[in-house]
Amino acid sequence: MSVTLLREYRNKSVRSPYEVLEKGRHLLETRSPKSFGDDLWPLLEQVYVAALDMGDFVLAGQCYEQLDARFPNSPRVEMLQGMRLEAEGDLDTARRLYEDMLTADESNVIVWKRLIAVYKQAGQIPRAIDSLTLMLDIFYNDLDGWLELAGIYASIYQYEHALQSLSHALLLAPQNPFYALQFAETAYTAGDIPLAVKMFLRVTEQVDEEEVEHGGVLTRAWMGVKQCIRRIQYSRHITSASNTPLPEHLNLLDVLATERLLSAYGEKLASSTGKKEVVKWLEGRA
């Protein structure tokens, strides 16, 4: 049933604007508002957002009118108006709206995120960083916020700041291997090879090898270890901005990484015409 499906999409934060718009429009046109019960208002908001995504501003306006009539002066409905301004390309007006809303109530995390999105769309990256930093001062436990801040810093090549942001994400989710992998890859890009290999190894300790399919996080981690060792072997001077020491027994670690990668890619390599070249590279003979 469409109502149940759309409710499930809301609960799982599934966007799928085309499907939501198609099913939502049909429901709103063929059923009376009272028949939805408590589902009416979240459904109207869901269809409103989908309509904005698909550029159907007429349907979006109809949904907004009903929401505004039911919830006058609601900050959530006011934010929906800001989203329409964003969709229409009026970023400056949307920005002013969100800033005014935060002046009235700085605890509205959703409005903070909309304001940050506006700054990013407008290419105002320093202001996006400043706003995101302020938001995280208020909502330190917002894991997605730390990951977004790390991504913004990485996009402008400020890798040390990206690593600082990721360190907060790791404090909030220390057992998540994907965040540890992102930290390791960022450290590698930043040139802190000792820190990178340490974090790649941390990923290998966190992940159960039997639960990871080919191409998964564990394979990427062992490939990272291999790349780090290769950098160490071919570089005369390896420095670490974090003062992380190099791991001991690099040769043994290199052999282990090679074994793990050959095992992970074993079946695929068996049917590959380039198998010998891949094996040569992994074994350091290329």
C-alpha atoms as a PDB file:
ATOM      1  CA  MET A   1       0.000   0.000   0.000  1.00  0.00           C
ATOM      2  CA  SER A   2       1.365   3.415  -0.974  1.00  0.00           C
ATOM      3  CA  VAL A   3       0.699   5.036   2.417  1.00  0.00           C
ATOM      4  CA  THR A   4       2.638   2.289   4.197  1.00  0.00           C
ATOM      5  CA  LEU A   5       5.471   2.447   1.678  1.00  0.00           C
ATOM      6  CA  LEU A   6       5.834   6.216   1.987  1.00  0.00           C
ATOM      7  CA  ARG A   7       5.756   5.942   5.778  1.00  0.00           C
ATOM      8  CA  GLU A   8       8.538   3.357   5.552  1.00  0.00           C
ATOM      9  CA  TYR A   9      10.527   5.727   3.339  1.00  0.00           C
ATOM     10  CA  ARG A  10      10.159   8.452   5.964  1.00  0.00           C
ATOM     11  CA  ASN A  11      11.227   6.157   8.777  1.00  0.00           C
ATOM     12  CA  LYS A  12      14.300   5.033   6.838  1.00  0.00           C
ATOM     13  CA  SER A  13      15.066   8.513   5.447  1.00  0.00           C
ATOM     14  CA  VAL A  14      14.739   7.270   1.869  1.00  0.00           C
ATOM     15  CA  ARG A  15      14.465  10.253  -0.513  1.00  0.00           C
ATOM     16  CA  SER A  16      13.444   8.682  -3.880  1.00  0.00           C
ATOM     17  CA  PRO A  17      11.713  11.895  -5.089  1.00  0.00           C
ATOM     18  CA  TYR A  18      10.282  10.526  -8.346  1.00  0.00           C
ATOM     19  CA  GLU A  19       8.519   7.616  -6.668  1.00  0.00           C
ATOM     20  CA  VAL A  20       7.398   9.706  -3.689  1.00  0.00           C
ATOM     21  CA  LEU A  21       5.992  12.384  -5.993  1.00  0.00           C
ATOM     22  CA  GLU A  22       4.178   9.881  -8.178  1.00  0.00           C
ATOM     23  CA  LYS A  23       2.614   7.899  -5.332  1.00  0.00           C
ATOM     24  CA  GLY A  24       2.054  10.929  -3.098  1.00  0.00           C
ATOM     25  CA  ARG A  25       0.289  12.919  -5.810  1.00  0.00           C
ATOM     26  CA  HIS A  26      -2.026   9.975  -6.526  1.00  0.00           C
ATOM     27  CA  LEU A  27      -2.887   9.575  -2.841  1.00  0.00           C
ATOM     28  CA  LEU A  28      -3.599  13.263  -2.316  1.00  0.00           C
ATOM     29  CA  GLU A  29      -5.770  13.443  -5.439  1.00  0.00           C
ATOM     30  CA  THR A  30      -7.809  10.301  -4.805  1.00  0.00           C
ATOM     31  CA  ARG A  31      -8.306  10.265  -1.024  1.00  0.00           C
ATOM     32  CA  SER A  32      -9.814  12.708   1.426  1.00  0.00           C
ATOM     33  CA  PRO A  33      -7.455  14.382   3.913  1.00  0.00           C
ATOM     34  CA  LYS A  34      -9.277  12.851   6.880  1.00  0.00           C
ATOM     35  CA  SER A  35      -8.614   9.327   5.601  1.00  0.00           C
ATOM     36  CA  PHE A  36      -4.869   9.698   6.300  1.00  0.00           C
ATOM     37  CA  GLY A  37      -5.300  10.397   9.997  1.00  0.00           C
ATOM     38  CA  ASP A  38      -1.996  11.364  11.637  1.00  0.00           C
ATOM     39  CA  ASP A  39      -0.124  10.437   8.446  1.00  0.00           C
ATOM     40  CA  LEU A  40      -1.456  13.477   6.574  1.00  0.00           C
ATOM     41  CA  TRP A  41       1.025  16.082   7.814  1.00  0.00           C
ATOM     42  CA  PRO A  42       4.250  14.087   7.465  1.00  0.00           C
ATOM     43  CA  LEU A  43       2.952  12.907   4.085  1.00  0.00           C
ATOM     44  CA  LEU A  44       2.378  16.488   2.925  1.00  0.00           C
ATOM     45  CA  GLU A  45       5.895  17.440   4.000  1.00  0.00           C
ATOM     46  CA  GLN A  46       7.357  14.390   2.270  1.00  0.00           C
ATOM     47  CA  VAL A  47       5.533  15.137  -0.982  1.00  0.00           C
ATOM     48  CA  TYR A  48       6.469  18.820  -0.674  1.00  0.00           C
ATOM     49  CA  VAL A  49      10.176  18.006  -0.542  1.00  0.00           C
ATOM     50  CA  ALA A  50       9.845  15.527  -3.410  1.00  0.00           C
ATOM     51  CA  ALA A  51       7.993  18.130  -5.480  1.00  0.00           C
ATOM     52  CA  LEU A  52      10.824  20.618  -4.913  1.00  0.00           C
ATOM     53  CA  ASP A  53      13.363  17.994  -5.945  1.00  0.00           C
ATOM     54  CA  MET A  54      11.425  17.349  -9.151  1.00  0.00           C
ATOM     55  CA  GLY A  55      10.693  21.024  -9.871  1.00  0.00           C
ATOM     56  CA  ASP A  56       6.924  20.743  -9.394  1.00  0.00           C
ATOM     57  CA  PHE A  57       6.413  24.057  -7.609  1.00  0.00           C
ATOM     58  CA  VAL A  58       2.631  23.992  -8.123  1.00  0.00           C
ATOM     59  CA  LEU A  59       2.174  20.811  -6.085  1.00  0.00           C
ATOM     60  CA  ALA A  60       4.769  22.021  -3.592  1.00  0.00           C
ATOM     61  CA  GLY A  61       2.756  25.214  -3.113  1.00  0.00           C
ATOM     62  CA  GLN A  62      -0.439  23.249  -2.517  1.00  0.00           C
ATOM     63  CA  CYS A  63       1.240  21.107   0.139  1.00  0.00           C
ATOM     64  CA  TYR A  64       2.786  24.154   1.783  1.00  0.00           C
ATOM     65  CA  GLU A  65      -0.532  25.983   2.006  1.00  0.00           C
ATOM     66  CA  GLN A  66      -2.084  23.099   3.934  1.00  0.00           C
ATOM     67  CA  LEU A  67       0.883  22.798   6.279  1.00  0.00           C
ATOM     68  CA  ASP A  68       1.023  26.535   6.919  1.00  0.00           C
ATOM     69  CA  ALA A  69      -2.711  26.653   7.622  1.00  0.00           C
ATOM     70  CA  ARG A  70      -2.445  23.782  10.111  1.00  0.00           C
ATOM     71  CA  PHE A  71       0.795  24.949  11.759  1.00  0.00           C
ATOM     72  CA  PRO A  72       0.928  28.768  11.538  1.00  0.00           C
ATOM     73  CA  ASN A  73       4.212  30.357  12.670  1.00  0.00           C
ATOM     74  CA  SER A  74       5.837  26.938  12.894  1.00  0.00           C
ATOM     75  CA  PRO A  75       9.651  27.043  12.535  1.00  0.00           C
ATOM     76  CA  ARG A  76       9.545  23.726  10.697  1.00  0.00           C
ATOM     77  CA  VAL A  77       7.067  25.047   8.127  1.00  0.00           C
ATOM     78  CA  GLU A  78       9.068  28.266   7.841  1.00  0.00           C
ATOM     79  CA  MET A  79      12.133  26.168   7.073  1.00  0.00           C
ATOM     80  CA  LEU A  80      10.179  24.446   4.294  1.00  0.00           C
ATOM     81  CA  GLN A  81       9.677  27.867   2.751  1.00  0.00           C
ATOM     82  CA  GLY A  82      13.435  28.317   2.854  1.00  0.00           C
ATOM     83  CA  MET A  83      13.883  25.039   1.014  1.00  0.00           C
ATOM     84  CA  ARG A  84      11.602  26.326  -1.727  1.00  0.00           C
ATOM     85  CA  LEU A  85      13.722  29.465  -2.019  1.00  0.00           C
ATOM     86  CA  GLU A  86      16.768  27.226  -2.375  1.00  0.00           C
ATOM     87  CA  ALA A  87      15.079  25.157  -5.072  1.00  0.00           C
ATOM     88  CA  GLU A  88      14.180  28.330  -6.975  1.00  0.00           C
ATOM     89  CA  GLY A  89      17.768  29.534  -6.775  1.00  0.00           C
ATOM     90  CA  ASP A  90      17.088  32.454  -4.432  1.00  0.00           C
ATOM     91  CA  LEU A  91      19.939  31.548  -2.106  1.00  0.00           C
ATOM     92  CA  ASP A  92      20.369  35.021  -0.638  1.00  0.00           C
ATOM     93  CA  THR A  93      16.787  35.208   0.585  1.00  0.00           C
ATOM     94  CA  ALA A  94      16.979  31.646   1.904  1.00  0.00           C
ATOM     95  CA  ARG A  95      20.189  32.528   3.749  1.00  0.00           C
ATOM     96  CA  ARG A  96      18.603  35.566   5.404  1.00  0.00           C
ATOM     97  CA  LEU A  97      15.578  33.500   6.407  1.00  0.00           C
ATOM     98  CA  TYR A  98      17.712  30.807   8.047  1.00  0.00           C
ATOM     99  CA  GLU A  99      19.928  33.358   9.781  1.00  0.00           C
ATOM    100  CA  ASP A 100      16.852  35.089  11.215  1.00  0.00           C
ATOM    101  CA  MET A 101      15.495  31.761  12.414  1.00  0.00           C
ATOM    102  CA  LEU A 102      18.763  30.928  14.167  1.00  0.00           C
ATOM    103  CA  THR A 103      18.854  34.357  15.782  1.00  0.00           C
ATOM    104  CA  ALA A 104      15.485  33.507  17.306  1.00  0.00           C
ATOM    105  CA  ASP A 105      16.479  29.942  18.224  1.00  0.00           C
ATOM    106  CA  GLU A 106      20.041  28.715  17.746  1.00  0.00           C
ATOM    107  CA  SER A 107      19.123  25.219  18.959  1.00  0.00           C
ATOM    108  CA  ASN A 108      17.383  24.296  15.681  1.00  0.00           C
ATOM    109  CA  VAL A 109      19.911  21.887  14.213  1.00  0.00           C
ATOM    110  CA  ILE A 110      17.925  21.333  11.001  1.00  0.00           C
ATOM    111  CA  VAL A 111      18.031  25.047  10.202  1.00  0.00           C
ATOM    112  CA  TRP A 112      21.767  25.094  10.908  1.00  0.00           C
ATOM    113  CA  LYS A 113      22.225  22.357   8.309  1.00  0.00           C
ATOM    114  CA  ARG A 114      20.066  24.160   5.761  1.00  0.00           C
ATOM    115  CA  LEU A 115      22.093  27.349   6.254  1.00  0.00           C
ATOM    116  CA  ILE A 116      25.333  25.418   5.786  1.00  0.00           C
ATOM    117  CA  ALA A 117      23.915  23.846   2.624  1.00  0.00           C
ATOM    118  CA  VAL A 118      23.090  27.312   1.282  1.00  0.00           C
ATOM    119  CA  TYR A 119      26.623  28.548   1.932  1.00  0.00           C
ATOM    120  CA  LYS A 120      28.032  25.507   0.134  1.00  0.00           C
ATOM    121  CA  GLN A 121      25.709  25.985  -2.841  1.00  0.00           C
ATOM    122  CA  ALA A 122      26.761  29.628  -3.043  1.00  0.00           C
ATOM    123  CA  GLY A 123      30.432  28.665  -2.947  1.00  0.00           C
ATOM    124  CA  GLN A 124      30.908  30.487   0.364  1.00  0.00           C
ATOM    125  CA  ILE A 125      33.072  27.751   1.863  1.00  0.00           C
ATOM    126  CA  PRO A 126      34.648  29.823   4.690  1.00  0.00           C
ATOM    127  CA  ARG A 127      31.173  30.795   5.927  1.00  0.00           C
ATOM    128  CA  ALA A 128      30.034  27.174   5.642  1.00  0.00           C
ATOM    129  CA  ILE A 129      33.000  26.116   7.773  1.00  0.00           C
ATOM    130  CA  ASP A 130      32.344  28.846  10.335  1.00  0.00           C
ATOM    131  CA  SER A 131      28.647  27.930  10.612  1.00  0.00           C
ATOM    132  CA  LEU A 132      29.363  24.215  10.824  1.00  0.00           C
ATOM    133  CA  THR A 133      31.941  24.854  13.545  1.00  0.00           C
ATOM    134  CA  LEU A 134      29.430  26.929  15.507  1.00  0.00           C
ATOM    135  CA  MET A 135      26.805  24.231  15.098  1.00  0.00           C
ATOM    136  CA  LEU A 136      29.191  21.569  16.392  1.00  0.00           C
ATOM    137  CA  ASP A 137      29.993  23.720  19.407  1.00  0.00           C
ATOM    138  CA  ILE A 138      26.315  23.391  20.284  1.00  0.00           C
ATOM    139  CA  PHE A 139      25.735  19.846  19.007  1.00  0.00           C
ATOM    140  CA  TYR A 140      29.067  18.107  19.581  1.00  0.00           C
ATOM    141  CA  ASN A 141      27.530  14.633  19.211  1.00  0.00           C
ATOM    142  CA  ASP A 142      26.385  15.311  15.639  1.00  0.00           C
ATOM    143  CA  LEU A 143      28.504  12.685  13.899  1.00  0.00           C
ATOM    144  CA  ASP A 144      27.331  13.637  10.413  1.00  0.00           C
ATOM    145  CA  GLY A 145      28.368  17.217  11.123  1.00  0.00           C
ATOM    146  CA  TRP A 146      31.959  16.204  11.895  1.00  0.00           C
ATOM    147  CA  LEU A 147      32.095  14.056   8.767  1.00  0.00           C
ATOM    148  CA  GLU A 148      30.742  16.922   6.665  1.00  0.00           C
ATOM    149  CA  LEU A 149      33.293  19.324   8.139  1.00  0.00           C
ATOM    150  CA  ALA A 150      36.060  16.846   7.347  1.00  0.00           C
ATOM    151  CA  GLY A 151      34.791  16.563   3.789  1.00  0.00           C
ATOM    152  CA  ILE A 152      34.725  20.334   3.324  1.00  0.00           C
ATOM    153  CA  TYR A 153      38.275  20.712   4.628  1.00  0.00           C
ATOM    154  CA  ALA A 154      39.485  17.894   2.376  1.00  0.00           C
ATOM    155  CA  SER A 155      37.800  19.523  -0.642  1.00  0.00           C
ATOM    156  CA  ILE A 156      39.948  22.637  -0.127  1.00  0.00           C
ATOM    157  CA  TYR A 157      43.104  20.608   0.620  1.00  0.00           C
ATOM    158  CA  GLN A 158      43.228  21.459   4.325  1.00  0.00           C
ATOM    159  CA  TYR A 159      43.969  17.894   5.312  1.00  0.00           C
ATOM    160  CA  GLU A 160      45.232  18.592   8.826  1.00  0.00           C
ATOM    161  CA  HIS A 161      41.918  20.238   9.697  1.00  0.00           C
ATOM    162  CA  ALA A 162      40.119  17.324   8.008  1.00  0.00           C
ATOM    163  CA  LEU A 163      42.013  14.908  10.241  1.00  0.00           C
ATOM    164  CA  GLN A 164      41.101  16.921  13.323  1.00  0.00           C
ATOM    165  CA  SER A 165      37.426  16.716  12.347  1.00  0.00           C
ATOM    166  CA  LEU A 166      37.682  12.987  11.684  1.00  0.00           C
ATOM    167  CA  SER A 167      39.315  12.472  15.071  1.00  0.00           C
ATOM    168  CA  HIS A 168      36.109  13.799  16.658  1.00  0.00           C
ATOM    169  CA  ALA A 169      34.086  11.402  14.503  1.00  0.00           C
ATOM    170  CA  LEU A 170      36.254   8.526  15.742  1.00  0.00           C
ATOM    171  CA  LEU A 171      35.647   9.568  19.337  1.00  0.00           C
ATOM    172  CA  LEU A 172      31.914   9.401  18.699  1.00  0.00           C
ATOM    173  CA  ALA A 173      32.052   6.133  16.743  1.00  0.00           C
ATOM    174  CA  PRO A 174      35.313   4.371  17.662  1.00  0.00           C
ATOM    175  CA  GLN A 175      34.231   0.961  16.386  1.00  0.00           C
ATOM    176  CA  ASN A 176      33.235   2.101  12.890  1.00  0.00           C
ATOM    177  CA  PRO A 177      35.890   0.845  10.444  1.00  0.00           C
ATOM    178  CA  PHE A 178      34.681   3.104   7.626  1.00  0.00           C
ATOM    179  CA  TYR A 179      35.538   6.243   9.581  1.00  0.00           C
ATOM    180  CA  ALA A 180      38.910   4.804  10.562  1.00  0.00           C
ATOM    181  CA  LEU A 181      39.517   4.014   6.885  1.00  0.00           C
ATOM    182  CA  GLN A 182      38.566   7.559   5.883  1.00  0.00           C
ATOM    183  CA  PHE A 183      40.983   8.879   8.507  1.00  0.00           C
ATOM    184  CA  ALA A 184      43.765   6.624   7.198  1.00  0.00           C
ATOM    185  CA  GLU A 185      43.218   7.631   3.571  1.00  0.00           C
ATOM    186  CA  THR A 186      43.136  11.310   4.530  1.00  0.00           C
ATOM    187  CA  ALA A 187      46.395  10.932   6.484  1.00  0.00           C
ATOM    188  CA  TYR A 188      47.946   9.246   3.435  1.00  0.00           C
ATOM    189  CA  THR A 189      46.840  12.111   1.191  1.00  0.00           C
ATOM    190  CA  ALA A 190      48.234  14.582   3.732  1.00  0.00           C
ATOM    191  CA  GLY A 191      51.603  12.837   3.532  1.00  0.00           C
ATOM    192  CA  ASP A 192      51.618  11.542   7.111  1.00  0.00           C
ATOM    193  CA  ILE A 193      52.512   7.995   6.097  1.00  0.00           C
ATOM    194  CA  PRO A 194      53.293   6.652   9.606  1.00  0.00           C
ATOM    195  CA  LEU A 195      49.889   7.828  10.849  1.00  0.00           C
ATOM    196  CA  ALA A 196      48.203   6.425   7.746  1.00  0.00           C
ATOM    197  CA  VAL A 197      49.695   2.936   8.104  1.00  0.00           C
ATOM    198  CA  LYS A 198      48.812   2.929  11.810  1.00  0.00           C
ATOM    199  CA  MET A 199      45.176   3.678  11.000  1.00  0.00           C
ATOM    200  CA  PHE A 200      45.025   1.229   8.085  1.00  0.00           C
ATOM    201  CA  LEU A 201      46.206  -1.454  10.500  1.00  0.00           C
ATOM    202  CA  ARG A 202      43.575  -0.353  12.984  1.00  0.00           C
ATOM    203  CA  VAL A 203      40.935  -1.024  10.328  1.00  0.00           C
ATOM    204  CA  THR A 204      42.291  -4.544   9.761  1.00  0.00           C
ATOM    205  CA  GLU A 205      41.947  -5.176  13.496  1.00  0.00           C
ATOM    206  CA  GLN A 206      38.353  -3.935  13.580  1.00  0.00           C
ATOM    207  CA  VAL A 207      36.983  -5.942  10.664  1.00  0.00           C
ATOM    208  CA  ASP A 208      36.232  -9.644  10.662  1.00  0.00           C
ATOM    209  CA  GLU A 209      37.819 -10.998   7.489  1.00  0.00           C
ATOM    210  CA  GLU A 210      35.062 -13.585   6.986  1.00  0.00           C
ATOM    211  CA  GLU A 211      32.377 -10.871   6.877  1.00  0.00           C
ATOM    212  CA  VAL A 212      33.947  -8.757   4.146  1.00  0.00           C
ATOM    213  CA  GLU A 213      33.403  -9.471   0.469  1.00  0.00           C
ATOM    214  CA  HIS A 214      35.866  -8.640  -2.290  1.00  0.00           C
ATOM    215  CA  GLY A 215      36.326  -4.924  -2.707  1.00  0.00           C
ATOM    216  CA  GLY A 216      35.275  -4.214   0.875  1.00  0.00           C
ATOM    217  CA  VAL A 217      36.746  -2.073   3.583  1.00  0.00           C
ATOM    218  CA  LEU A 218      39.282  -4.719   4.646  1.00  0.00           C
ATOM    219  CA  THR A 219      40.733  -5.018   1.157  1.00  0.00           C
ATOM    220  CA  ARG A 220      41.056  -1.240   0.921  1.00  0.00           C
ATOM    221  CA  ALA A 221      42.816  -1.195   4.282  1.00  0.00           C
ATOM    222  CA  TRP A 222      45.372  -3.829   3.273  1.00  0.00           C
ATOM    223  CA  MET A 223      45.917  -2.008  -0.016  1.00  0.00           C
ATOM    224  CA  GLY A 224      46.529   1.125   2.029  1.00  0.00           C
ATOM    225  CA  VAL A 225      49.095  -0.730   4.146  1.00  0.00           C
ATOM    226  CA  LYS A 226      50.786  -1.909   0.966  1.00  0.00           C
ATOM    227  CA  GLN A 227      50.873   1.598  -0.501  1.00  0.00           C
ATOM    228  CA  CYS A 228      52.297   3.043   2.721  1.00  0.00           C
ATOM    229  CA  ILE A 229      55.060   0.473   2.892  1.00  0.00           C
ATOM    230  CA  ARG A 230      55.898   1.129  -0.752  1.00  0.00           C
ATOM    231  CA  ARG A 231      56.153   4.860   0.003  1.00  0.00           C
ATOM    232  CA  ILE A 232      58.396   4.178   2.992  1.00  0.00           C
ATOM    233  CA  GLN A 233      60.654   1.856   1.017  1.00  0.00           C
ATOM    234  CA  TYR A 234      61.148   4.302  -1.839  1.00  0.00           C
ATOM    235  CA  SER A 235      61.437   7.520   0.195  1.00  0.00           C
ATOM    236  CA  ARG A 236      64.620   8.622   1.875  1.00  0.00           C
ATOM    237  CA  HIS A 237      62.956  10.823   4.436  1.00  0.00           C
ATOM    238  CA  ILE A 238      59.599   9.973   5.994  1.00  0.00           C
ATOM    239  CA  THR A 239      58.235  12.571   8.387  1.00  0.00           C
ATOM    240  CA  SER A 240      55.080  12.598  10.469  1.00  0.00           C
ATOM    241  CA  ALA A 241      53.242  15.784  11.401  1.00  0.00           C
ATOM    242  CA  SER A 242      51.584  13.785  14.181  1.00  0.00           C
ATOM    243  CA  ASN A 243      54.942  12.376  15.404  1.00  0.00           C
ATOM    244  CA  THR A 244      53.695   8.846  14.800  1.00  0.00           C
ATOM    245  CA  PRO A 245      56.568   6.330  14.746  1.00  0.00           C
ATOM    246  CA  LEU A 246      57.042   3.931  11.865  1.00  0.00           C
ATOM    247  CA  PRO A 247      55.851   0.378  12.521  1.00  0.00           C
ATOM    248  CA  GLU A 248      58.443  -2.277  13.252  1.00  0.00           C
ATOM    249  CA  HIS A 249      59.159  -5.263  11.008  1.00  0.00           C
ATOM    250  CA  LEU A 250      58.105  -3.550   7.786  1.00  0.00           C
ATOM    251  CA  ASN A 251      59.230  -6.472   5.634  1.00  0.00           C
ATOM    252  CA  LEU A 252      57.063  -8.939   7.525  1.00  0.00           C
ATOM    253  CA  LEU A 253      54.137  -6.516   7.402  1.00  0.00           C
ATOM    254  CA  ASP A 254      54.648  -6.157   3.655  1.00  0.00           C
ATOM    255  CA  VAL A 255      54.529  -9.933   3.205  1.00  0.00           C
ATOM    256  CA  LEU A 256      51.335 -10.139   5.274  1.00  0.00           C
ATOM    257  CA  ALA A 257      49.644  -7.363   3.275  1.00  0.00           C
ATOM    258  CA  THR A 258      50.598  -9.118   0.031  1.00  0.00           C
ATOM    259  CA  GLU A 259      49.157 -12.426   1.258  1.00  0.00           C
ATOM    260  CA  ARG A 260      45.892 -10.783   2.313  1.00  0.00           C
ATOM    261  CA  LEU A 261      45.482  -8.971  -1.006  1.00  0.00           C
ATOM    262  CA  LEU A 262      46.286 -12.044  -3.097  1.00  0.00           C
ATOM    263  CA  SER A 263      43.740 -13.954  -1.038  1.00  0.00           C
ATOM    264  CA  ALA A 264      41.102 -11.245  -1.486  1.00  0.00           C
ATOM    265  CA  TYR A 265      41.609 -11.035  -5.236  1.00  0.00           C
ATOM    266  CA  GLY A 266      42.463 -14.697  -5.744  1.00  0.00           C
ATOM    267  CA  GLU A 267      39.480 -15.820  -7.833  1.00  0.00           C
ATOM    268  CA  LYS A 268      39.424 -12.666  -9.928  1.00  0.00           C
ATOM    269  CA  LEU A 269      43.146 -12.810 -10.594  1.00  0.00           C
ATOM    270  CA  ALA A 270      42.884 -16.448 -11.649  1.00  0.00           C
ATOM    271  CA  SER A 271      40.894 -15.439 -14.730  1.00  0.00           C
ATOM    272  CA  SER A 272      42.784 -12.233 -15.434  1.00  0.00           C
ATOM    273  CA  THR A 273      45.275 -11.945 -18.261  1.00  0.00           C
ATOM    274  CA  GLY A 274      47.166  -9.402 -16.167  1.00  0.00           C
ATOM    275  CA  LYS A 275      47.551 -11.734 -13.190  1.00  0.00           C
ATOM    276  CA  LYS A 276      51.323 -11.952 -13.421  1.00  0.00           C
ATOM    277  CA  GLU A 277      51.717  -8.170 -13.537  1.00  0.00           C
ATOM    278  CA  VAL A 278      49.414  -7.681 -10.556  1.00  0.00           C
ATOM    279  CA  VAL A 279      51.283 -10.297  -8.540  1.00  0.00           C
ATOM    280  CA  LYS A 280      54.598  -8.675  -9.494  1.00  0.00           C
ATOM    281  CA  TRP A 281      53.349  -5.308  -8.235  1.00  0.00           C
ATOM    282  CA  LEU A 282      52.031  -6.750  -4.986  1.00  0.00           C
ATOM    283  CA  GLU A 283      55.284  -8.566  -4.365  1.00  0.00           C
ATOM    284  CA  GLY A 284      57.325  -5.463  -5.162  1.00  0.00           C
ATOM    285  CA  ARG A 285      58.908  -6.831  -8.314  1.00  0.00           C
ATOM    286  CA  ALA A 286      57.236  -4.441 -10.788  1.00  0.00           C
END
